[in-house]
C-alpha atoms as a PDB file:
ATOM      1  CA  MET A   1      54.033 -10.920  88.129  1.00  0.00           C
ATOM      2  CA  SER A   2      52.374 -13.946  86.475  1.00  0.00           C
ATOM      3  CA  PRO A   3      53.600 -14.964  83.002  1.00  0.00           C
ATOM      4  CA  ASP A   4      50.226 -13.797  81.541  1.00  0.00           C
ATOM      5  CA  ALA A   5      50.252 -10.405  83.279  1.00  0.00           C
ATOM      6  CA  ALA A   6      50.924  -7.292  81.288  1.00  0.00           C
ATOM      7  CA  PRO A   7      53.718  -4.967  82.385  1.00  0.00           C
ATOM      8  CA  ASP A   8      52.869  -1.451  83.569  1.00  0.00           C
ATOM      9  CA  ILE A   9      53.148   1.354  81.036  1.00  0.00           C
ATOM     10  CA  GLU A  10      56.408   2.654  82.446  1.00  0.00           C
ATOM     11  CA  ALA A  11      57.972  -0.782  81.964  1.00  0.00           C
ATOM     12  CA  VAL A  12      56.560  -0.843  78.374  1.00  0.00           C
ATOM     13  CA  ALA A  13      58.285   2.489  77.592  1.00  0.00           C
ATOM     14  CA  GLU A  14      61.571   1.367  79.148  1.00  0.00           C
ATOM     15  CA  THR A  15      61.564  -1.880  77.084  1.00  0.00           C
ATOM     16  CA  VAL A  16      60.721   0.036  73.913  1.00  0.00           C
ATOM     17  CA  ASP A  17      63.547   2.519  74.533  1.00  0.00           C
ATOM     18  CA  ARG A  18      66.017  -0.400  74.797  1.00  0.00           C
ATOM     19  CA  ILE A  19      64.622  -1.899  71.537  1.00  0.00           C
ATOM     20  CA  ARG A  20      65.045   1.454  69.798  1.00  0.00           C
ATOM     21  CA  ALA A  21      68.608   1.778  71.086  1.00  0.00           C
ATOM     22  CA  GLU A  22      69.644  -1.642  69.869  1.00  0.00           C
ATOM     23  CA  VAL A  23      68.106  -1.291  66.441  1.00  0.00           C
ATOM     24  CA  GLY A  24      69.614   2.195  66.168  1.00  0.00           C
ATOM     25  CA  ARG A  25      73.087   0.678  66.462  1.00  0.00           C
ATOM     26  CA  VAL A  26      72.824  -0.738  62.926  1.00  0.00           C
ATOM     27  CA  LEU A  27      70.029   1.306  61.347  1.00  0.00           C
ATOM     28  CA  HIS A  28      70.678   5.031  61.101  1.00  0.00           C
ATOM     29  CA  GLY A  29      68.323   7.810  60.055  1.00  0.00           C
ATOM     30  CA  GLN A  30      65.048   5.865  60.139  1.00  0.00           C
ATOM     31  CA  ASP A  31      63.894   6.600  63.722  1.00  0.00           C
ATOM     32  CA  ASP A  32      60.344   7.468  62.515  1.00  0.00           C
ATOM     33  CA  VAL A  33      60.076   4.221  60.640  1.00  0.00           C
ATOM     34  CA  VAL A  34      61.201   2.209  63.621  1.00  0.00           C
ATOM     35  CA  GLU A  35      58.714   4.046  65.806  1.00  0.00           C
ATOM     36  CA  GLN A  36      55.797   3.255  63.515  1.00  0.00           C
ATOM     37  CA  VAL A  37      56.782  -0.402  63.147  1.00  0.00           C
ATOM     38  CA  LEU A  38      56.907  -0.680  66.906  1.00  0.00           C
ATOM     39  CA  ILE A  39      53.448   0.945  67.169  1.00  0.00           C
ATOM     40  CA  ALA A  40      52.127  -1.680  64.739  1.00  0.00           C
ATOM     41  CA  LEU A  41      53.834  -4.423  66.767  1.00  0.00           C
ATOM     42  CA  LEU A  42      52.188  -3.346  69.998  1.00  0.00           C
ATOM     43  CA  ALA A  43      48.832  -2.905  68.260  1.00  0.00           C
ATOM     44  CA  ARG A  44      49.052  -6.394  66.744  1.00  0.00           C
ATOM     45  CA  GLY A  45      48.990  -4.957  63.297  1.00  0.00           C
ATOM     46  CA  HIS A  46      50.887  -5.276  60.005  1.00  0.00           C
ATOM     47  CA  VAL A  47      53.028  -2.670  58.169  1.00  0.00           C
ATOM     48  CA  LEU A  48      53.434  -1.800  54.536  1.00  0.00           C
ATOM     49  CA  ILE A  49      56.760   0.016  54.091  1.00  0.00           C
ATOM     50  CA  GLN A  50      57.046   2.052  50.834  1.00  0.00           C
ATOM     51  CA  GLY A  51      60.396   3.305  49.633  1.00  0.00           C
ATOM     52  CA  VAL A  52      63.049   2.965  46.965  1.00  0.00           C
ATOM     53  CA  PRO A  53      65.674   0.173  47.350  1.00  0.00           C
ATOM     54  CA  GLY A  54      68.627   0.660  49.609  1.00  0.00           C
ATOM     55  CA  LEU A  55      67.047   2.475  52.506  1.00  0.00           C
ATOM     56  CA  GLY A  56      67.418  -0.310  55.061  1.00  0.00           C
ATOM     57  CA  LYS A  57      63.942  -1.837  55.006  1.00  0.00           C
ATOM     58  CA  THR A  58      65.226  -5.424  55.069  1.00  0.00           C
ATOM     59  CA  LEU A  59      67.887  -4.583  57.692  1.00  0.00           C
ATOM     60  CA  LEU A  60      65.161  -3.092  59.940  1.00  0.00           C
ATOM     61  CA  VAL A  61      63.185  -6.358  59.995  1.00  0.00           C
ATOM     62  CA  ARG A  62      66.191  -8.540  60.532  1.00  0.00           C
ATOM     63  CA  ALA A  63      67.470  -6.310  63.341  1.00  0.00           C
ATOM     64  CA  LEU A  64      64.030  -6.176  64.932  1.00  0.00           C
ATOM     65  CA  SER A  65      63.673  -9.946  64.960  1.00  0.00           C
ATOM     66  CA  ARG A  66      67.010 -10.391  66.690  1.00  0.00           C
ATOM     67  CA  VAL A  67      66.325  -7.679  69.251  1.00  0.00           C
ATOM     68  CA  LEU A  68      62.797  -8.939  69.924  1.00  0.00           C
ATOM     69  CA  GLY A  69      63.853 -12.540  70.178  1.00  0.00           C
ATOM     70  CA  CYS A  70      61.302 -13.611  67.612  1.00  0.00           C
ATOM     71  CA  GLY A  71      61.529 -15.981  64.691  1.00  0.00           C
ATOM     72  CA  THR A  72      61.627 -14.387  61.254  1.00  0.00           C
ATOM     73  CA  LYS A  73      61.428 -15.501  57.629  1.00  0.00           C
ATOM     74  CA  ARG A  74      61.798 -13.563  54.401  1.00  0.00           C
ATOM     75  CA  ILE A  75      59.509 -14.200  51.411  1.00  0.00           C
ATOM     76  CA  GLN A  76      60.808 -12.754  48.180  1.00  0.00           C
ATOM     77  CA  PHE A  77      57.691 -12.014  46.146  1.00  0.00           C
ATOM     78  CA  THR A  78      58.096 -12.645  42.416  1.00  0.00           C
ATOM     79  CA  PRO A  79      55.607 -13.130  39.562  1.00  0.00           C
ATOM     80  CA  ASP A  80      56.083 -16.923  39.616  1.00  0.00           C
ATOM     81  CA  LEU A  81      55.559 -17.262  43.366  1.00  0.00           C
ATOM     82  CA  MET A  82      52.695 -19.600  44.104  1.00  0.00           C
ATOM     83  CA  PRO A  83      50.213 -19.417  47.059  1.00  0.00           C
ATOM     84  CA  SER A  84      51.539 -22.728  48.410  1.00  0.00           C
ATOM     85  CA  ASP A  85      55.026 -21.185  48.414  1.00  0.00           C
ATOM     86  CA  VAL A  86      53.756 -18.865  51.071  1.00  0.00           C
ATOM     87  CA  THR A  87      51.333 -21.010  53.138  1.00  0.00           C
ATOM     88  CA  GLY A  88      52.783 -24.466  52.586  1.00  0.00           C
ATOM     89  CA  GLY A  89      50.914 -27.561  51.464  1.00  0.00           C
ATOM     90  CA  ASN A  90      50.588 -31.289  51.509  1.00  0.00           C
ATOM     91  CA  VAL A  91      53.550 -33.330  50.258  1.00  0.00           C
ATOM     92  CA  LEU A  92      53.529 -37.014  49.596  1.00  0.00           C
ATOM     93  CA  ASP A  93      55.792 -38.894  51.968  1.00  0.00           C
ATOM     94  CA  SER A  94      57.350 -41.688  49.891  1.00  0.00           C
ATOM     95  CA  ALA A  95      58.186 -43.715  53.020  1.00  0.00           C
ATOM     96  CA  THR A  96      54.687 -43.841  54.390  1.00  0.00           C
ATOM     97  CA  GLY A  97      52.648 -43.231  51.225  1.00  0.00           C
ATOM     98  CA  ARG A  98      50.729 -40.468  53.093  1.00  0.00           C
ATOM     99  CA  PHE A  99      50.442 -36.763  52.520  1.00  0.00           C
ATOM    100  CA  THR A 100      52.074 -34.601  55.182  1.00  0.00           C
ATOM    101  CA  PHE A 101      51.543 -30.905  55.574  1.00  0.00           C
ATOM    102  CA  VAL A 102      54.836 -28.905  55.147  1.00  0.00           C
ATOM    103  CA  PRO A 103      54.427 -25.410  56.669  1.00  0.00           C
ATOM    104  CA  GLY A 104      55.385 -22.476  54.466  1.00  0.00           C
ATOM    105  CA  PRO A 105      57.423 -19.437  55.528  1.00  0.00           C
ATOM    106  CA  ILE A 106      54.273 -17.766  56.792  1.00  0.00           C
ATOM    107  CA  PHE A 107      54.521 -19.982  59.859  1.00  0.00           C
ATOM    108  CA  THR A 108      56.831 -17.712  61.863  1.00  0.00           C
ATOM    109  CA  GLN A 109      56.495 -14.594  64.045  1.00  0.00           C
ATOM    110  CA  LEU A 110      57.975 -11.786  61.988  1.00  0.00           C
ATOM    111  CA  VAL A 111      57.390 -12.148  58.249  1.00  0.00           C
ATOM    112  CA  LEU A 112      59.221  -9.977  55.743  1.00  0.00           C
ATOM    113  CA  ALA A 113      57.147  -9.901  52.521  1.00  0.00           C
ATOM    114  CA  ASP A 114      59.747  -8.301  50.292  1.00  0.00           C
ATOM    115  CA  GLU A 115      58.483  -6.459  47.186  1.00  0.00           C
ATOM    116  CA  ILE A 116      54.968  -7.758  47.777  1.00  0.00           C
ATOM    117  CA  ASN A 117      53.590  -5.984  44.729  1.00  0.00           C
ATOM    118  CA  ARG A 118      55.710  -8.197  42.399  1.00  0.00           C
ATOM    119  CA  ALA A 119      53.497 -11.251  43.064  1.00  0.00           C
ATOM    120  CA  THR A 120      50.259 -11.894  41.262  1.00  0.00           C
ATOM    121  CA  PRO A 121      46.983 -11.004  43.059  1.00  0.00           C
ATOM    122  CA  LYS A 122      46.348 -14.759  43.549  1.00  0.00           C
ATOM    123  CA  THR A 123      49.563 -15.115  45.568  1.00  0.00           C
ATOM    124  CA  GLN A 124      49.002 -11.873  47.371  1.00  0.00           C
ATOM    125  CA  SER A 125      45.619 -13.201  48.481  1.00  0.00           C
ATOM    126  CA  ALA A 126      47.421 -16.049  50.275  1.00  0.00           C
ATOM    127  CA  LEU A 127      48.294 -13.549  52.926  1.00  0.00           C
ATOM    128  CA  LEU A 128      44.718 -12.312  53.605  1.00  0.00           C
ATOM    129  CA  GLU A 129      43.631 -15.033  56.009  1.00  0.00           C
ATOM    130  CA  ALA A 130      46.986 -15.024  57.817  1.00  0.00           C
ATOM    131  CA  MET A 131      46.907 -11.293  58.250  1.00  0.00           C
ATOM    132  CA  GLN A 132      43.323 -11.079  59.339  1.00  0.00           C
ATOM    133  CA  ASP A 133      42.602 -14.276  61.255  1.00  0.00           C
ATOM    134  CA  ARG A 134      46.161 -15.362  62.078  1.00  0.00           C
ATOM    135  CA  SER A 135      45.549 -18.770  60.672  1.00  0.00           C
ATOM    136  CA  VAL A 136      46.138 -20.697  57.471  1.00  0.00           C
ATOM    137  CA  SER A 137      43.644 -22.967  55.749  1.00  0.00           C
ATOM    138  CA  ALA A 138      44.924 -25.659  53.448  1.00  0.00           C
ATOM    139  CA  ASP A 139      43.016 -28.728  52.101  1.00  0.00           C
ATOM    140  CA  GLY A 140      40.229 -28.143  54.515  1.00  0.00           C
ATOM    141  CA  VAL A 141      42.290 -27.848  57.669  1.00  0.00           C
ATOM    142  CA  THR A 142      42.748 -24.513  59.449  1.00  0.00           C
ATOM    143  CA  ARG A 143      46.060 -24.162  61.275  1.00  0.00           C
ATOM    144  CA  PRO A 144      46.646 -21.254  63.719  1.00  0.00           C
ATOM    145  CA  LEU A 145      49.723 -19.144  63.559  1.00  0.00           C
ATOM    146  CA  GLY A 146      51.848 -18.462  66.616  1.00  0.00           C
ATOM    147  CA  ALA A 147      51.965 -15.261  68.582  1.00  0.00           C
ATOM    148  CA  PRO A 148      53.158 -12.684  68.045  1.00  0.00           C
ATOM    149  CA  PHE A 149      52.537 -12.574  64.370  1.00  0.00           C
ATOM    150  CA  ILE A 150      53.302  -9.472  62.203  1.00  0.00           C
ATOM    151  CA  VAL A 151      53.791  -9.023  58.457  1.00  0.00           C
ATOM    152  CA  VAL A 152      56.151  -6.254  57.325  1.00  0.00           C
ATOM    153  CA  ALA A 153      55.800  -5.876  53.633  1.00  0.00           C
ATOM    154  CA  THR A 154      57.838  -3.683  51.339  1.00  0.00           C
ATOM    155  CA  GLN A 155      57.173  -2.176  47.945  1.00  0.00           C
ATOM    156  CA  ASN A 156      58.931   0.178  45.555  1.00  0.00           C
ATOM    157  CA  PRO A 157      56.591   3.061  44.723  1.00  0.00           C
ATOM    158  CA  ILE A 158      58.481   4.123  41.591  1.00  0.00           C
ATOM    159  CA  GLU A 159      59.085   0.941  39.602  1.00  0.00           C
ATOM    160  CA  SER A 160      55.907  -0.260  37.858  1.00  0.00           C
ATOM    161  CA  GLN A 161      57.151  -2.796  35.269  1.00  0.00           C
ATOM    162  CA  GLY A 162      56.410  -6.327  36.440  1.00  0.00           C
ATOM    163  CA  THR A 163      54.336  -5.203  39.475  1.00  0.00           C
ATOM    164  CA  TYR A 164      50.704  -5.672  40.439  1.00  0.00           C
ATOM    165  CA  PRO A 165      48.848  -2.980  42.415  1.00  0.00           C
ATOM    166  CA  LEU A 166      47.750  -4.213  45.831  1.00  0.00           C
ATOM    167  CA  PRO A 167      43.895  -4.500  45.912  1.00  0.00           C
ATOM    168  CA  GLU A 168      41.927  -2.555  48.494  1.00  0.00           C
ATOM    169  CA  ALA A 169      41.179  -5.719  50.457  1.00  0.00           C
ATOM    170  CA  GLN A 170      44.908  -6.349  50.828  1.00  0.00           C
ATOM    171  CA  LEU A 171      45.726  -2.752  51.680  1.00  0.00           C
ATOM    172  CA  ASP A 172      43.018  -2.754  54.351  1.00  0.00           C
ATOM    173  CA  ARG A 173      44.821  -5.597  56.167  1.00  0.00           C
ATOM    174  CA  PHE A 174      47.796  -3.339  56.866  1.00  0.00           C
ATOM    175  CA  LEU A 175      47.481  -1.280  60.021  1.00  0.00           C
ATOM    176  CA  LEU A 176      50.038   1.218  58.807  1.00  0.00           C
ATOM    177  CA  ARG A 177      51.568   2.311  55.563  1.00  0.00           C
ATOM    178  CA  VAL A 178      54.975   3.849  56.236  1.00  0.00           C
ATOM    179  CA  GLU A 179      56.839   6.095  53.752  1.00  0.00           C
ATOM    180  CA  VAL A 180      60.649   5.697  54.020  1.00  0.00           C
ATOM    181  CA  GLY A 181      62.741   8.600  52.928  1.00  0.00           C
ATOM    182  CA  HIS A 182      66.438   9.202  52.465  1.00  0.00           C
ATOM    183  CA  PRO A 183      68.495   9.713  55.674  1.00  0.00           C
ATOM    184  CA  ARG A 184      69.879  13.071  56.688  1.00  0.00           C
ATOM    185  CA  PRO A 185      73.487  13.843  55.649  1.00  0.00           C
ATOM    186  CA  GLU A 186      74.780  13.227  59.230  1.00  0.00           C
ATOM    187  CA  ASP A 187      73.015   9.848  59.306  1.00  0.00           C
ATOM    188  CA  GLU A 188      74.363   8.916  55.935  1.00  0.00           C
ATOM    189  CA  THR A 189      77.862   9.841  57.166  1.00  0.00           C
ATOM    190  CA  ARG A 190      77.403   7.370  60.040  1.00  0.00           C
ATOM    191  CA  ILE A 191      76.384   4.710  57.535  1.00  0.00           C
ATOM    192  CA  LEU A 192      79.590   5.245  55.590  1.00  0.00           C
ATOM    193  CA  ARG A 193      81.696   5.192  58.695  1.00  0.00           C
ATOM    194  CA  ASP A 194      80.113   1.895  59.727  1.00  0.00           C
ATOM    195  CA  HIS A 195      80.937   0.550  56.304  1.00  0.00           C
ATOM    196  CA  LEU A 196      84.596   1.606  56.645  1.00  0.00           C
ATOM    197  CA  ALA A 197      84.724   0.000  60.086  1.00  0.00           C
ATOM    198  CA  GLY A 198      83.658  -3.337  58.474  1.00  0.00           C
ATOM    199  CA  PHE A 199      79.951  -3.455  59.219  1.00  0.00           C
ATOM    200  CA  ASP A 200      78.129  -6.020  57.090  1.00  0.00           C
ATOM    201  CA  PRO A 201      74.332  -5.816  57.098  1.00  0.00           C
ATOM    202  CA  ALA A 202      74.208  -9.520  56.299  1.00  0.00           C
ATOM    203  CA  ASP A 203      76.183 -10.411  59.412  1.00  0.00           C
ATOM    204  CA  LEU A 204      74.344  -9.101  62.426  1.00  0.00           C
ATOM    205  CA  ASP A 205      76.206 -11.507  64.651  1.00  0.00           C
ATOM    206  CA  ALA A 206      79.264  -9.350  64.305  1.00  0.00           C
ATOM    207  CA  ALA A 207      77.280  -6.278  65.256  1.00  0.00           C
ATOM    208  CA  GLY A 208      76.667  -7.777  68.668  1.00  0.00           C
ATOM    209  CA  LEU A 209      72.985  -6.837  68.869  1.00  0.00           C
ATOM    210  CA  GLN A 210      71.467  -7.770  72.287  1.00  0.00           C
ATOM    211  CA  THR A 211      68.114  -9.524  72.582  1.00  0.00           C
ATOM    212  CA  VAL A 212      65.894  -7.226  74.661  1.00  0.00           C
ATOM    213  CA  THR A 213      62.771  -9.350  75.066  1.00  0.00           C
ATOM    214  CA  SER A 214      61.132 -12.569  73.830  1.00  0.00           C
ATOM    215  CA  ALA A 215      58.036 -13.703  71.996  1.00  0.00           C
ATOM    216  CA  ASP A 216      56.200 -13.971  75.321  1.00  0.00           C
ATOM    217  CA  GLY A 217      57.501 -10.555  76.236  1.00  0.00           C
ATOM    218  CA  VAL A 218      56.159  -9.029  73.036  1.00  0.00           C
ATOM    219  CA  CYS A 219      52.750 -10.547  73.751  1.00  0.00           C
ATOM    220  CA  ALA A 220      52.891  -8.994  77.235  1.00  0.00           C
ATOM    221  CA  LEU A 221      53.675  -5.570  75.722  1.00  0.00           C
ATOM    222  CA  GLN A 222      50.698  -6.010  73.387  1.00  0.00           C
ATOM    223  CA  ARG A 223      48.408  -6.754  76.331  1.00  0.00           C
ATOM    224  CA  ALA A 224      49.689  -3.640  78.089  1.00  0.00           C
ATOM    225  CA  ALA A 225      48.934  -1.470  75.071  1.00  0.00           C
ATOM    226  CA  ARG A 226      45.377  -2.784  74.844  1.00  0.00           C
ATOM    227  CA  GLY A 227      44.868  -1.674  78.438  1.00  0.00           C
ATOM    228  CA  VAL A 228      45.660   2.034  77.733  1.00  0.00           C
ATOM    229  CA  ARG A 229      42.671   4.154  78.744  1.00  0.00           C
ATOM    230  CA  VAL A 230      40.619   5.872  76.067  1.00  0.00           C
ATOM    231  CA  ASP A 231      37.948   8.460  77.155  1.00  0.00           C
ATOM    232  CA  ASP A 232      34.544   8.436  75.495  1.00  0.00           C
ATOM    233  CA  ALA A 233      35.289  11.913  74.047  1.00  0.00           C
ATOM    234  CA  LEU A 234      38.140  10.340  72.054  1.00  0.00           C
ATOM    235  CA  LEU A 235      35.899   7.532  70.784  1.00  0.00           C
ATOM    236  CA  ALA A 236      33.593  10.252  69.415  1.00  0.00           C
ATOM    237  CA  TYR A 237      36.678  12.003  67.933  1.00  0.00           C
ATOM    238  CA  VAL A 238      37.689   8.805  66.106  1.00  0.00           C
ATOM    239  CA  VAL A 239      34.123   8.451  64.759  1.00  0.00           C
ATOM    240  CA  ASP A 240      34.175  12.098  63.652  1.00  0.00           C
ATOM    241  CA  ILE A 241      37.467  11.752  61.767  1.00  0.00           C
ATOM    242  CA  VAL A 242      36.391   8.563  60.017  1.00  0.00           C
ATOM    243  CA  GLY A 243      32.966   9.984  59.221  1.00  0.00           C
ATOM    244  CA  ARG A 244      34.494  13.030  57.592  1.00  0.00           C
ATOM    245  CA  THR A 245      36.491  10.774  55.204  1.00  0.00           C
ATOM    246  CA  ARG A 246      33.198   9.487  53.936  1.00  0.00           C
ATOM    247  CA  SER A 247      31.771  12.938  53.164  1.00  0.00           C
ATOM    248  CA  HIS A 248      34.946  14.796  51.976  1.00  0.00           C
ATOM    249  CA  ARG A 249      34.540  16.075  48.424  1.00  0.00           C
ATOM    250  CA  GLY A 250      37.868  14.735  47.329  1.00  0.00           C
ATOM    251  CA  ILE A 251      37.336  11.163  48.636  1.00  0.00           C
ATOM    252  CA  GLU A 252      35.108   8.731  46.755  1.00  0.00           C
ATOM    253  CA  VAL A 253      35.360   5.820  49.330  1.00  0.00           C
ATOM    254  CA  GLY A 254      35.988   6.744  52.902  1.00  0.00           C
ATOM    255  CA  ALA A 255      37.431   4.715  55.797  1.00  0.00           C
ATOM    256  CA  SER A 256      35.557   1.707  57.188  1.00  0.00           C
ATOM    257  CA  PRO A 257      34.683   0.712  60.769  1.00  0.00           C
ATOM    258  CA  ARG A 258      37.797  -1.535  60.594  1.00  0.00           C
ATOM    259  CA  ALA A 259      39.849   1.582  59.912  1.00  0.00           C
ATOM    260  CA  ALA A 260      38.336   3.241  63.004  1.00  0.00           C
ATOM    261  CA  VAL A 261      39.315   0.247  65.160  1.00  0.00           C
ATOM    262  CA  ALA A 262      42.812   0.383  63.572  1.00  0.00           C
ATOM    263  CA  LEU A 263      43.136   4.070  64.391  1.00  0.00           C
ATOM    264  CA  LEU A 264      42.124   3.525  67.984  1.00  0.00           C
ATOM    265  CA  SER A 265      44.467   0.541  68.494  1.00  0.00           C
ATOM    266  CA  ALA A 266      47.393   2.435  66.955  1.00  0.00           C
ATOM    267  CA  ALA A 267      46.764   5.439  69.187  1.00  0.00           C
ATOM    268  CA  GLN A 268      46.762   3.121  72.252  1.00  0.00           C
ATOM    269  CA  ALA A 269      50.127   1.749  71.171  1.00  0.00           C
ATOM    270  CA  ALA A 270      51.487   5.207  70.563  1.00  0.00           C
ATOM    271  CA  ALA A 271      50.537   6.261  74.032  1.00  0.00           C
ATOM    272  CA  ALA A 272      52.127   3.116  75.490  1.00  0.00           C
ATOM    273  CA  LEU A 273      55.390   3.824  73.662  1.00  0.00           C
ATOM    274  CA  ASP A 274      55.316   7.294  75.151  1.00  0.00           C
ATOM    275  CA  GLY A 275      54.854   5.897  78.655  1.00  0.00           C
ATOM    276  CA  ARG A 276      51.304   7.223  79.113  1.00  0.00           C
ATOM    277  CA  PRO A 277      48.418   5.086  80.404  1.00  0.00           C
ATOM    278  CA  PHE A 278      45.878   7.165  78.500  1.00  0.00           C
ATOM    279  CA  VAL A 279      45.398   8.347  74.919  1.00  0.00           C
ATOM    280  CA  VAL A 280      45.374  12.046  74.005  1.00  0.00           C
ATOM    281  CA  PRO A 281      44.103  13.669  70.788  1.00  0.00           C
ATOM    282  CA  ASP A 282      47.670  14.142  69.521  1.00  0.00           C
ATOM    283  CA  ASP A 283      48.173  10.400  69.530  1.00  0.00           C
ATOM    284  CA  LEU A 284      45.281  10.037  67.119  1.00  0.00           C
ATOM    285  CA  LYS A 285      46.296  13.012  64.912  1.00  0.00           C
ATOM    286  CA  SER A 286      49.939  11.906  64.645  1.00  0.00           C
ATOM    287  CA  ILE A 287      49.230   8.318  63.636  1.00  0.00           C
ATOM    288  CA  ALA A 288      46.131   8.951  61.492  1.00  0.00           C
ATOM    289  CA  PRO A 289      47.970   9.596  58.215  1.00  0.00           C
ATOM    290  CA  ALA A 290      49.763   6.225  58.414  1.00  0.00           C
ATOM    291  CA  VAL A 291      46.562   4.419  59.427  1.00  0.00           C
ATOM    292  CA  LEU A 292      44.022   5.957  57.014  1.00  0.00           C
ATOM    293  CA  SER A 293      45.749   7.275  53.900  1.00  0.00           C
ATOM    294  CA  HIS A 294      46.161   3.911  52.173  1.00  0.00           C
ATOM    295  CA  ARG A 295      42.541   2.995  52.934  1.00  0.00           C
ATOM    296  CA  LEU A 296      40.991   6.012  51.095  1.00  0.00           C
ATOM    297  CA  VAL A 297      39.947   5.978  47.463  1.00  0.00           C
ATOM    298  CA  LEU A 298      40.220   9.445  45.921  1.00  0.00           C
ATOM    299  CA  HIS A 299      37.582  10.962  43.714  1.00  0.00           C
ATOM    300  CA  PRO A 300      38.659  11.103  40.046  1.00  0.00           C
ATOM    301  CA  ASP A 301      38.447  14.907  40.099  1.00  0.00           C
ATOM    302  CA  ALA A 302      40.800  15.029  43.081  1.00  0.00           C
ATOM    303  CA  GLU A 303      43.294  12.799  41.284  1.00  0.00           C
ATOM    304  CA  PHE A 304      43.048  14.982  38.236  1.00  0.00           C
ATOM    305  CA  GLU A 305      43.856  18.027  40.356  1.00  0.00           C
ATOM    306  CA  GLY A 306      46.901  16.252  41.779  1.00  0.00           C
ATOM    307  CA  ARG A 307      45.555  16.019  45.290  1.00  0.00           C
ATOM    308  CA  SER A 308      46.625  13.121  47.531  1.00  0.00           C
ATOM    309  CA  ALA A 309      44.876  11.092  50.193  1.00  0.00           C
ATOM    310  CA  ALA A 310      47.319  12.541  52.724  1.00  0.00           C
ATOM    311  CA  ALA A 311      46.366  16.113  51.746  1.00  0.00           C
ATOM    312  CA  CYS A 312      42.620  15.311  52.092  1.00  0.00           C
ATOM    313  CA  LEU A 313      43.240  13.783  55.447  1.00  0.00           C
ATOM    314  CA  ALA A 314      45.223  16.812  56.616  1.00  0.00           C
ATOM    315  CA  GLU A 315      42.248  18.959  55.874  1.00  0.00           C
ATOM    316  CA  ILE A 316      39.977  16.601  57.813  1.00  0.00           C
ATOM    317  CA  LEU A 317      42.254  16.646  60.859  1.00  0.00           C
ATOM    318  CA  GLU A 318      42.454  20.394  60.743  1.00  0.00           C
ATOM    319  CA  GLN A 319      38.682  20.751  60.577  1.00  0.00           C
ATOM    320  CA  ALA A 320      37.692  18.097  63.137  1.00  0.00           C
ATOM    321  CA  PRO A 321      37.586  19.661  66.668  1.00  0.00           C
ATOM    322  CA  ALA A 322      39.819  17.814  69.098  1.00  0.00           C
ATOM    323  CA  PRO A 323      38.272  17.148  72.539  1.00  0.00           C
ATOM    324  CA  SER A 324      39.835  17.808  75.887  1.00  0.00           C
ATOM    325  CA  VAL A 325      40.489  14.651  77.930  1.00  0.00           C
ATOM    326  CA  GLN A 326      41.312  13.862  81.563  1.00  0.00           C
ATOM    327  CA  ARG A 327      44.947  13.029  82.207  1.00  0.00           C
END
C-alpha cells in the first residue's frame, strides 16, 4: 500500500479498537465520550466536551495524543487571554532587528482548549479561522496548520460567573458537542483502585501507554472514512432531518447546510468505526443529537416550557421516516 492510500474499513476498525483499548487503560467509564471523539477525529471535525470538573476530560485528550502519536498542546482559556496567545505573532528579534513570527499553541495537531467559555469573545474568535480553514492569518500572512488538526474544547455547563457564552458562529465550528456524565459505580471503583496502585494522571509515561498509529496513520484513517458509501436515499434522509429542524414549532433557527454536511461526515466516520463500508440510517440517528443539538436555536416559547433542543430533535428523528438501504 502506498503512503497516501487509505486502509480498508476492516483495518480501520481494528486500529480504532486498539486505540480504544489503550485509552481505556487509564480512562474508565467514558467509553461513549471516547467513541464520539474518535468519530470527530475520523470526520476531521472538532469536539466541544461539556461536563463538570473532574470527569477526565483533560486526561482523555492527553491519552489520545499519546496513543495516536500526535503532537498536543493545552490552552488554558482565561479572561485575560489574548488572541495572539493562541495564534502567535511577530516578535522583534533584537539580534537582527527584524520581526519574526513565533507560532502560538494552535500550531499543533491535537489542541485542548480548556474551559473555552472563560475567554472573551475576541479571544474565542481567534479559533474560528483555524477550526474552519485549518490556517492562521497574522499580519497579512496566512500560515497553514498541519494535519491532522482537531480542537477538543471543554466547558463547565454549571458555573456561569466569569464565563462568556459561545456565539453561534463558534458553536457551529464544532462537529460534535458531547455531554460527559459521572461514571458508573464499578468504573469509579476501578478509578479508586488505580489511585491506590499509584496511578498519576499527570504521568502517563508510568502508565505504559502504547502508540497505536501516527499522524500520517490518522490521516489515512480519515481518508478511509470519507470513502464510506452513502446511498442517495440516505442523502434525502439527511436533507429531511435538517429540513424538519427549520419547520419545527419549538425551534426558531434550524440547522444549516453546513450542519447537514457535518451529519453526513459523522455518520460515515461512525460506520467506519463499526467496520462497515456503508452508512445505515442508525448511524445518522445515533450521531444526530451530538451533531445538531448545539446548532439549534430554540423558540422562546419552547424555552419557557422547559423544552430542550435534544427533546425537539428526538421528536424530529421519530417523525422522519428512515429509508431502507442496500448493504
